[in-house]
Amino acid sequence: MDALAALNRVLLKEKRYDDLARASSDAAYRQKLLEDLGIE
């Protein structure tokens, strides 16, 4: 849950709203973003 919250904060801060919307429903994409952004 903490990783998901951190991901949401980063995406909101960077105004990546499309990524935020996709990550909310696509687990594989969410995992890719977590890895790309170094969030664990």
PDB file of N, CA and C in Angstrom:
ATOM      1  N   MET A   1       0.810  -1.190   0.000  1.00  0.00           N
ATOM      2  CA  MET A   1       0.000   0.000   0.000  1.00  0.00           C
ATOM      3  C   MET A   1       0.859   1.263   0.000  1.00  0.00           C
ATOM      4  N   ASP A   2       1.963   1.237   0.742  1.00  0.00           N
ATOM      5  CA  ASP A   2       2.831   2.416   0.779  1.00  0.00           C
ATOM      6  C   ASP A   2       3.427   2.704  -0.589  1.00  0.00           C
ATOM      7  N   ALA A   3       3.798   1.649  -1.319  1.00  0.00           N
ATOM      8  CA  ALA A   3       4.367   1.827  -2.656  1.00  0.00           C
ATOM      9  C   ALA A   3       3.331   2.430  -3.592  1.00  0.00           C
ATOM     10  N   LEU A   4       2.114   1.975  -3.491  1.00  0.00           N
ATOM     11  CA  LEU A   4       1.046   2.509  -4.344  1.00  0.00           C
ATOM     12  C   LEU A   4       0.812   3.985  -4.027  1.00  0.00           C
ATOM     13  N   ALA A   5       0.796   4.350  -2.762  1.00  0.00           N
ATOM     14  CA  ALA A   5       0.627   5.749  -2.372  1.00  0.00           C
ATOM     15  C   ALA A   5       1.782   6.593  -2.898  1.00  0.00           C
ATOM     16  N   ALA A   6       2.991   6.069  -2.802  1.00  0.00           N
ATOM     17  CA  ALA A   6       4.156   6.795  -3.300  1.00  0.00           C
ATOM     18  C   ALA A   6       4.068   6.983  -4.812  1.00  0.00           C
ATOM     19  N   LEU A   7       3.645   5.939  -5.503  1.00  0.00           N
ATOM     20  CA  LEU A   7       3.482   6.037  -6.954  1.00  0.00           C
ATOM     21  C   LEU A   7       2.454   7.105  -7.295  1.00  0.00           C
ATOM     22  N   ASN A   8       1.329   7.094  -6.608  1.00  0.00           N
ATOM     23  CA  ASN A   8       0.279   8.083  -6.858  1.00  0.00           C
ATOM     24  C   ASN A   8       0.795   9.499  -6.631  1.00  0.00           C
ATOM     25  N   ARG A   9       1.562   9.706  -5.555  1.00  0.00           N
ATOM     26  CA  ARG A   9       2.111  11.038  -5.274  1.00  0.00           C
ATOM     27  C   ARG A   9       3.023  11.513  -6.394  1.00  0.00           C
ATOM     28  N   VAL A  10       3.898  10.623  -6.871  1.00  0.00           N
ATOM     29  CA  VAL A  10       4.825  10.988  -7.939  1.00  0.00           C
ATOM     30  C   VAL A  10       4.059  11.331  -9.221  1.00  0.00           C
ATOM     31  N   LEU A  11       3.119  10.486  -9.575  1.00  0.00           N
ATOM     32  CA  LEU A  11       2.374  10.723 -10.809  1.00  0.00           C
ATOM     33  C   LEU A  11       1.555  12.006 -10.729  1.00  0.00           C
ATOM     34  N   LEU A  12       0.961  12.281  -9.583  1.00  0.00           N
ATOM     35  CA  LEU A  12       0.210  13.529  -9.422  1.00  0.00           C
ATOM     36  C   LEU A  12       1.139  14.742  -9.468  1.00  0.00           C
ATOM     37  N   LYS A  13       2.265  14.655  -8.784  1.00  0.00           N
ATOM     38  CA  LYS A  13       3.220  15.771  -8.755  1.00  0.00           C
ATOM     39  C   LYS A  13       3.711  16.099 -10.158  1.00  0.00           C
ATOM     40  N   GLU A  14       3.931  15.050 -10.959  1.00  0.00           N
ATOM     41  CA  GLU A  14       4.430  15.242 -12.323  1.00  0.00           C
ATOM     42  C   GLU A  14       3.302  15.434 -13.334  1.00  0.00           C
ATOM     43  N   LYS A  15       2.065  15.515 -12.847  1.00  0.00           N
ATOM     44  CA  LYS A  15       0.876  15.724 -13.678  1.00  0.00           C
ATOM     45  C   LYS A  15       0.742  14.660 -14.768  1.00  0.00           C
ATOM     46  N   ARG A  16       1.066  13.415 -14.399  1.00  0.00           N
ATOM     47  CA  ARG A  16       0.968  12.281 -15.328  1.00  0.00           C
ATOM     48  C   ARG A  16      -0.376  11.581 -15.100  1.00  0.00           C
ATOM     49  N   TYR A  17      -1.429  12.307 -15.395  1.00  0.00           N
ATOM     50  CA  TYR A  17      -2.777  11.843 -15.085  1.00  0.00           C
ATOM     51  C   TYR A  17      -3.175  10.605 -15.894  1.00  0.00           C
ATOM     52  N   ASP A  18      -2.744  10.535 -17.139  1.00  0.00           N
ATOM     53  CA  ASP A  18      -3.054   9.349 -17.952  1.00  0.00           C
ATOM     54  C   ASP A  18      -2.385   8.106 -17.372  1.00  0.00           C
ATOM     55  N   ASP A  19      -1.137   8.255 -16.928  1.00  0.00           N
ATOM     56  CA  ASP A  19      -0.436   7.139 -16.299  1.00  0.00           C
ATOM     57  C   ASP A  19      -1.124   6.735 -15.002  1.00  0.00           C
ATOM     58  N   LEU A  20      -1.575   7.712 -14.242  1.00  0.00           N
ATOM     59  CA  LEU A  20      -2.274   7.435 -12.987  1.00  0.00           C
ATOM     60  C   LEU A  20      -3.556   6.652 -13.250  1.00  0.00           C
ATOM     61  N   ALA A  21      -4.311   7.072 -14.240  1.00  0.00           N
ATOM     62  CA  ALA A  21      -5.557   6.382 -14.573  1.00  0.00           C
ATOM     63  C   ALA A  21      -5.278   4.956 -15.037  1.00  0.00           C
ATOM     64  N   ARG A  22      -4.284   4.781 -15.892  1.00  0.00           N
ATOM     65  CA  ARG A  22      -3.963   3.437 -16.395  1.00  0.00           C
ATOM     66  C   ARG A  22      -3.438   2.539 -15.276  1.00  0.00           C
ATOM     67  N   ALA A  23      -2.601   3.095 -14.416  1.00  0.00           N
ATOM     68  CA  ALA A  23      -2.026   2.312 -13.317  1.00  0.00           C
ATOM     69  C   ALA A  23      -3.093   1.844 -12.335  1.00  0.00           C
ATOM     70  N   SER A  24      -4.184   2.574 -12.245  1.00  0.00           N
ATOM     71  CA  SER A  24      -5.236   2.191 -11.306  1.00  0.00           C
ATOM     72  C   SER A  24      -5.978   0.935 -11.745  1.00  0.00           C
ATOM     73  N   SER A  25      -5.894   0.606 -13.037  1.00  0.00           N
ATOM     74  CA  SER A  25      -6.639  -0.565 -13.521  1.00  0.00           C
ATOM     75  C   SER A  25      -5.766  -1.618 -14.199  1.00  0.00           C
ATOM     76  N   ASP A  26      -4.485  -1.344 -14.381  1.00  0.00           N
ATOM     77  CA  ASP A  26      -3.588  -2.254 -15.104  1.00  0.00           C
ATOM     78  C   ASP A  26      -2.403  -2.610 -14.196  1.00  0.00           C
ATOM     79  N   ALA A  27      -2.475  -3.778 -13.574  1.00  0.00           N
ATOM     80  CA  ALA A  27      -1.460  -4.176 -12.590  1.00  0.00           C
ATOM     81  C   ALA A  27      -0.064  -4.283 -13.202  1.00  0.00           C
ATOM     82  N   ALA A  28       0.041  -4.783 -14.418  1.00  0.00           N
ATOM     83  CA  ALA A  28       1.351  -4.931 -15.054  1.00  0.00           C
ATOM     84  C   ALA A  28       1.970  -3.556 -15.323  1.00  0.00           C
ATOM     85  N   TYR A  29       1.159  -2.623 -15.783  1.00  0.00           N
ATOM     86  CA  TYR A  29       1.650  -1.261 -16.032  1.00  0.00           C
ATOM     87  C   TYR A  29       2.044  -0.588 -14.727  1.00  0.00           C
ATOM     88  N   ARG A  30       1.248  -0.800 -13.685  1.00  0.00           N
ATOM     89  CA  ARG A  30       1.550  -0.249 -12.363  1.00  0.00           C
ATOM     90  C   ARG A  30       2.902  -0.766 -11.875  1.00  0.00           C
ATOM     91  N   GLN A  31       3.150  -2.064 -12.037  1.00  0.00           N
ATOM     92  CA  GLN A  31       4.424  -2.654 -11.621  1.00  0.00           C
ATOM     93  C   GLN A  31       5.582  -2.074 -12.419  1.00  0.00           C
ATOM     94  N   LYS A  32       5.374  -1.864 -13.722  1.00  0.00           N
ATOM     95  CA  LYS A  32       6.421  -1.267 -14.556  1.00  0.00           C
ATOM     96  C   LYS A  32       6.751   0.143 -14.074  1.00  0.00           C
ATOM     97  N   LEU A  33       5.735   0.931 -13.768  1.00  0.00           N
ATOM     98  CA  LEU A  33       5.976   2.289 -13.268  1.00  0.00           C
ATOM     99  C   LEU A  33       6.726   2.260 -11.943  1.00  0.00           C
ATOM    100  N   LEU A  34       6.328   1.356 -11.047  1.00  0.00           N
ATOM    101  CA  LEU A  34       7.010   1.227  -9.762  1.00  0.00           C
ATOM    102  C   LEU A  34       8.498   0.939  -9.968  1.00  0.00           C
ATOM    103  N   GLU A  35       8.782   0.016 -10.868  1.00  0.00           N
ATOM    104  CA  GLU A  35      10.186  -0.335 -11.146  1.00  0.00           C
ATOM    105  C   GLU A  35      10.927   0.814 -11.812  1.00  0.00           C
ATOM    106  N   ASP A  36      10.294   1.445 -12.814  1.00  0.00           N
ATOM    107  CA  ASP A  36      10.941   2.544 -13.537  1.00  0.00           C
ATOM    108  C   ASP A  36      11.254   3.728 -12.620  1.00  0.00           C
ATOM    109  N   LEU A  37      10.382   3.970 -11.652  1.00  0.00           N
ATOM    110  CA  LEU A  37      10.561   5.101 -10.746  1.00  0.00           C
ATOM    111  C   LEU A  37      11.333   4.731  -9.477  1.00  0.00           C
ATOM    112  N   GLY A  38      11.708   3.465  -9.348  1.00  0.00           N
ATOM    113  CA  GLY A  38      12.497   3.020  -8.208  1.00  0.00           C
ATOM    114  C   GLY A  38      11.727   2.991  -6.907  1.00  0.00           C
ATOM    115  N   ILE A  39      10.420   2.717  -6.995  1.00  0.00           N
ATOM    116  CA  ILE A  39       9.567   2.667  -5.808  1.00  0.00           C
ATOM    117  C   ILE A  39       9.342   1.210  -5.442  1.00  0.00           C
ATOM    118  N   GLU A  40       9.573   0.869  -4.178  1.00  0.00           N
ATOM    119  CA  GLU A  40       9.363  -0.514  -3.732  1.00  0.00           C
ATOM    120  C   GLU A  40       8.503  -0.560  -2.492  1.00  0.00           C
TER     121      GLU A  40
END
